[in-house]
C-alpha atoms as a PDB file:
ATOM      1  CA  MET A   1      -6.512  36.047 -68.414  1.00  0.00           C
ATOM      2  CA  ALA A   2      -8.745  37.126 -65.671  1.00  0.00           C
ATOM      3  CA  GLN A   3      -7.295  37.616 -62.264  1.00  0.00           C
ATOM      4  CA  ASP A   4      -9.243  37.059 -59.127  1.00  0.00           C
ATOM      5  CA  SER A   5      -9.595  40.471 -57.664  1.00  0.00           C
ATOM      6  CA  PRO A   6     -12.259  42.084 -55.584  1.00  0.00           C
ATOM      7  CA  THR A   7     -14.853  43.990 -57.501  1.00  0.00           C
ATOM      8  CA  ALA A   8     -15.994  47.406 -56.508  1.00  0.00           C
ATOM      9  CA  THR A   9     -18.913  45.963 -54.569  1.00  0.00           C
ATOM     10  CA  GLU A  10     -16.789  43.407 -52.733  1.00  0.00           C
ATOM     11  CA  THR A  11     -14.302  44.656 -50.203  1.00  0.00           C
ATOM     12  CA  PRO A  12     -11.954  42.276 -48.487  1.00  0.00           C
ATOM     13  CA  SER A  13     -12.507  42.034 -44.765  1.00  0.00           C
ATOM     14  CA  PRO A  14      -9.524  42.772 -42.571  1.00  0.00           C
ATOM     15  CA  PRO A  15      -7.897  39.777 -40.901  1.00  0.00           C
ATOM     16  CA  GLN A  16      -9.427  38.995 -37.525  1.00  0.00           C
ATOM     17  CA  ALA A  17      -7.212  38.666 -34.469  1.00  0.00           C
ATOM     18  CA  ALA A  18      -7.399  35.292 -32.765  1.00  0.00           C
ATOM     19  CA  GLN A  19      -9.667  35.387 -29.758  1.00  0.00           C
ATOM     20  CA  PRO A  20      -8.258  33.869 -26.544  1.00  0.00           C
ATOM     21  CA  CYS A  21     -10.221  30.923 -25.246  1.00  0.00           C
ATOM     22  CA  CYS A  22     -10.648  32.585 -21.898  1.00  0.00           C
ATOM     23  CA  ARG A  23      -9.992  35.848 -20.139  1.00  0.00           C
ATOM     24  CA  PHE A  24      -6.478  34.952 -19.000  1.00  0.00           C
ATOM     25  CA  GLY A  25      -5.270  33.316 -22.202  1.00  0.00           C
ATOM     26  CA  ALA A  26      -2.328  30.920 -22.061  1.00  0.00           C
ATOM     27  CA  ALA A  27      -1.432  31.997 -18.514  1.00  0.00           C
ATOM     28  CA  SER A  28      -4.545  30.238 -17.164  1.00  0.00           C
ATOM     29  CA  GLY A  29      -3.255  26.862 -18.359  1.00  0.00           C
ATOM     30  CA  LEU A  30       0.019  27.465 -16.565  1.00  0.00           C
ATOM     31  CA  ILE A  31      -1.793  28.496 -13.378  1.00  0.00           C
ATOM     32  CA  VAL A  32      -3.969  25.369 -13.467  1.00  0.00           C
ATOM     33  CA  GLY A  33      -0.891  23.194 -13.988  1.00  0.00           C
ATOM     34  CA  VAL A  34       1.008  24.767 -11.076  1.00  0.00           C
ATOM     35  CA  VAL A  35      -1.992  24.403  -8.761  1.00  0.00           C
ATOM     36  CA  ALA A  36      -2.443  20.730  -9.755  1.00  0.00           C
ATOM     37  CA  VAL A  37       1.219  19.955  -9.019  1.00  0.00           C
ATOM     38  CA  ALA A  38       1.034  21.778  -5.658  1.00  0.00           C
ATOM     39  CA  VAL A  39      -2.066  19.799  -4.631  1.00  0.00           C
ATOM     40  CA  ALA A  40      -0.434  16.485  -5.605  1.00  0.00           C
ATOM     41  CA  VAL A  41       2.736  17.266  -3.632  1.00  0.00           C
ATOM     42  CA  ALA A  42       0.702  18.331  -0.580  1.00  0.00           C
ATOM     43  CA  ALA A  43      -1.327  15.115  -0.745  1.00  0.00           C
ATOM     44  CA  LEU A  44       1.827  13.007  -0.789  1.00  0.00           C
ATOM     45  CA  LEU A  45       3.396  14.883   2.115  1.00  0.00           C
ATOM     46  CA  LEU A  46       0.336  15.206   4.332  1.00  0.00           C
ATOM     47  CA  CYS A  47      -1.468  11.935   3.773  1.00  0.00           C
ATOM     48  CA  PRO A  48      -0.349   8.783   5.436  1.00  0.00           C
ATOM     49  CA  HIS A  49       1.339   6.544   2.948  1.00  0.00           C
ATOM     50  CA  GLY A  50       2.807   3.675   4.945  1.00  0.00           C
ATOM     51  CA  PRO A  51       2.012   0.001   4.794  1.00  0.00           C
ATOM     52  CA  THR A  52      -1.163  -1.392   6.319  1.00  0.00           C
ATOM     53  CA  LEU A  53      -1.117  -3.685   9.346  1.00  0.00           C
ATOM     54  CA  LYS A  54      -2.100  -6.544   7.058  1.00  0.00           C
ATOM     55  CA  GLU A  55       0.858  -5.864   4.731  1.00  0.00           C
ATOM     56  CA  VAL A  56       3.296  -5.843   7.674  1.00  0.00           C
ATOM     57  CA  VAL A  57       1.892  -9.034   9.228  1.00  0.00           C
ATOM     58  CA  ASP A  58       1.552 -10.899   5.913  1.00  0.00           C
ATOM     59  CA  SER A  59       5.059  -9.963   4.652  1.00  0.00           C
ATOM     60  CA  PRO A  60       7.189  -9.345   7.752  1.00  0.00           C
ATOM     61  CA  GLU A  61      10.456 -10.065   5.913  1.00  0.00           C
ATOM     62  CA  ARG A  62       9.748  -7.104   3.632  1.00  0.00           C
ATOM     63  CA  TYR A  63       9.462  -4.685   6.582  1.00  0.00           C
ATOM     64  CA  GLU A  64      11.757  -6.259   9.204  1.00  0.00           C
ATOM     65  CA  GLY A  65      14.123  -3.649  10.635  1.00  0.00           C
ATOM     66  CA  ARG A  66      12.358  -0.813   8.795  1.00  0.00           C
ATOM     67  CA  LEU A  67      10.725   2.206  10.364  1.00  0.00           C
ATOM     68  CA  VAL A  68       7.031   2.275   9.398  1.00  0.00           C
ATOM     69  CA  THR A  69       3.887   4.117  10.430  1.00  0.00           C
ATOM     70  CA  VAL A  70       0.709   2.089  10.819  1.00  0.00           C
ATOM     71  CA  GLY A  71      -2.740   2.867  12.136  1.00  0.00           C
ATOM     72  CA  GLY A  72      -5.626   1.082  13.718  1.00  0.00           C
ATOM     73  CA  THR A  73      -7.756   0.628  16.828  1.00  0.00           C
ATOM     74  CA  VAL A  74      -6.028   0.115  20.166  1.00  0.00           C
ATOM     75  CA  GLY A  75      -6.797  -3.226  21.785  1.00  0.00           C
ATOM     76  CA  SER A  76      -5.857  -4.761  25.101  1.00  0.00           C
ATOM     77  CA  PRO A  77      -2.941  -3.106  26.889  1.00  0.00           C
ATOM     78  CA  GLY A  78      -0.363  -5.237  28.657  1.00  0.00           C
ATOM     79  CA  SER A  79       3.250  -5.484  29.684  1.00  0.00           C
ATOM     80  CA  LEU A  80       5.952  -7.788  28.455  1.00  0.00           C
ATOM     81  CA  PRO A  81       8.995  -8.884  30.420  1.00  0.00           C
ATOM     82  CA  ARG A  82      12.145  -6.996  29.365  1.00  0.00           C
ATOM     83  CA  LEU A  83      10.236  -5.065  26.687  1.00  0.00           C
ATOM     84  CA  GLY A  84       7.925  -2.829  28.721  1.00  0.00           C
ATOM     85  CA  GLY A  85       4.358  -1.802  27.992  1.00  0.00           C
ATOM     86  CA  GLY A  86       2.458  -2.687  24.911  1.00  0.00           C
ATOM     87  CA  TYR A  87      -0.896  -3.091  23.238  1.00  0.00           C
ATOM     88  CA  GLN A  88      -2.582  -4.761  20.324  1.00  0.00           C
ATOM     89  CA  LEU A  89      -3.325  -2.657  17.260  1.00  0.00           C
ATOM     90  CA  ARG A  90      -6.153  -3.923  15.010  1.00  0.00           C
ATOM     91  CA  ASP A  91      -7.186  -2.710  11.563  1.00  0.00           C
ATOM     92  CA  GLU A  92     -10.487  -2.957   9.675  1.00  0.00           C
ATOM     93  CA  THR A  93      -9.519  -6.356   8.225  1.00  0.00           C
ATOM     94  CA  GLY A  94      -9.165  -7.845  11.713  1.00  0.00           C
ATOM     95  CA  THR A  95      -5.381  -8.091  11.427  1.00  0.00           C
ATOM     96  CA  LYS A  96      -3.642  -7.612  14.780  1.00  0.00           C
ATOM     97  CA  LEU A  97      -0.112  -6.418  15.518  1.00  0.00           C
ATOM     98  CA  LEU A  98       1.572  -6.201  18.893  1.00  0.00           C
ATOM     99  CA  VAL A  99       3.006  -2.743  19.598  1.00  0.00           C
ATOM    100  CA  ILE A 100       5.715  -2.303  22.239  1.00  0.00           C
ATOM    101  CA  ALA A 101       5.560   1.273  23.507  1.00  0.00           C
ATOM    102  CA  ARG A 102       6.318   3.446  26.517  1.00  0.00           C
ATOM    103  CA  GLU A 103       2.965   5.171  26.225  1.00  0.00           C
ATOM    104  CA  VAL A 104      -0.157   3.102  25.741  1.00  0.00           C
ATOM    105  CA  PRO A 105      -3.182   4.886  24.215  1.00  0.00           C
ATOM    106  CA  ALA A 106      -6.657   4.335  25.620  1.00  0.00           C
ATOM    107  CA  GLU A 107      -8.209   1.012  24.681  1.00  0.00           C
ATOM    108  CA  GLY A 108     -10.692   1.439  21.819  1.00  0.00           C
ATOM    109  CA  SER A 109      -9.100   4.654  20.531  1.00  0.00           C
ATOM    110  CA  THR A 110      -7.852   5.017  16.968  1.00  0.00           C
ATOM    111  CA  THR A 111      -4.188   5.870  16.562  1.00  0.00           C
ATOM    112  CA  ARG A 112      -1.204   5.934  14.225  1.00  0.00           C
ATOM    113  CA  VAL A 113       2.135   4.736  15.555  1.00  0.00           C
ATOM    114  CA  LYS A 114       5.664   4.875  14.140  1.00  0.00           C
ATOM    115  CA  GLY A 115       8.167   2.178  14.987  1.00  0.00           C
ATOM    116  CA  THR A 116      10.534  -0.494  13.773  1.00  0.00           C
ATOM    117  CA  VAL A 117       9.163  -3.847  12.619  1.00  0.00           C
ATOM    118  CA  LYS A 118      10.722  -6.737  14.529  1.00  0.00           C
ATOM    119  CA  VAL A 119      10.411 -10.474  13.879  1.00  0.00           C
ATOM    120  CA  VAL A 120      11.335 -13.088  16.479  1.00  0.00           C
ATOM    121  CA  ASP A 121      11.413 -16.840  16.113  1.00  0.00           C
ATOM    122  CA  VAL A 122       9.994 -18.747  19.073  1.00  0.00           C
ATOM    123  CA  LEU A 123      10.120 -22.517  18.770  1.00  0.00           C
ATOM    124  CA  GLY A 124       9.966 -22.344  14.979  1.00  0.00           C
ATOM    125  CA  ARG A 125       7.088 -19.878  14.849  1.00  0.00           C
ATOM    126  CA  LYS A 126       7.597 -16.270  13.743  1.00  0.00           C
ATOM    127  CA  PHE A 127       6.090 -13.450  15.772  1.00  0.00           C
ATOM    128  CA  VAL A 128       5.887  -9.951  14.331  1.00  0.00           C
ATOM    129  CA  TYR A 129       5.709  -6.822  16.470  1.00  0.00           C
ATOM    130  CA  LEU A 130       6.310  -3.104  16.200  1.00  0.00           C
ATOM    131  CA  HIS A 131       8.777  -1.430  18.549  1.00  0.00           C
ATOM    132  CA  ALA A 132       7.344   2.089  18.776  1.00  0.00           C
ATOM    133  CA  GLY A 133       9.849   4.920  18.759  1.00  0.00           C
ATOM    134  CA  ALA A 134      12.748   2.600  17.852  1.00  0.00           C
ATOM    135  CA  GLY A 135      14.930   3.319  14.873  1.00  0.00           C
ATOM    136  CA  LYS A 136      15.717   6.409  12.887  1.00  0.00           C
ATOM    137  CA  GLU A 137      13.814   8.076  10.086  1.00  0.00           C
ATOM    138  CA  PRO A 138      15.521   7.339   6.740  1.00  0.00           C
ATOM    139  CA  GLN A 139      17.466  10.327   5.389  1.00  0.00           C
END
């Protein structure tokens, strides 16, 4: 019975250590993962993530009484009896929303405003507006 054994001319090569795929080894994967999570969290916290004007106007019952932040271009300023100053806010879709506010930005400027969505019924027709500065931020 012959056994498989190295001959005098064949010498077994020593086992090779596994080479890391990069200079930092497994730690680099962890670093990349931590950085990716940090970027995602920062994006959620820093980027606006409220409803659009169109969403508020098209589904007012969904937002009524809620504090939201919306953005758009400031339109005509005006004043409303018992409510104070206000202006129209228009988005890129052409949707318009009345904003009741103490401070009225310059007409034509782009702004973001936080306020409570209000819906009033006048002679069977619903009007949606945003009362800027009204309400409390959810806890």
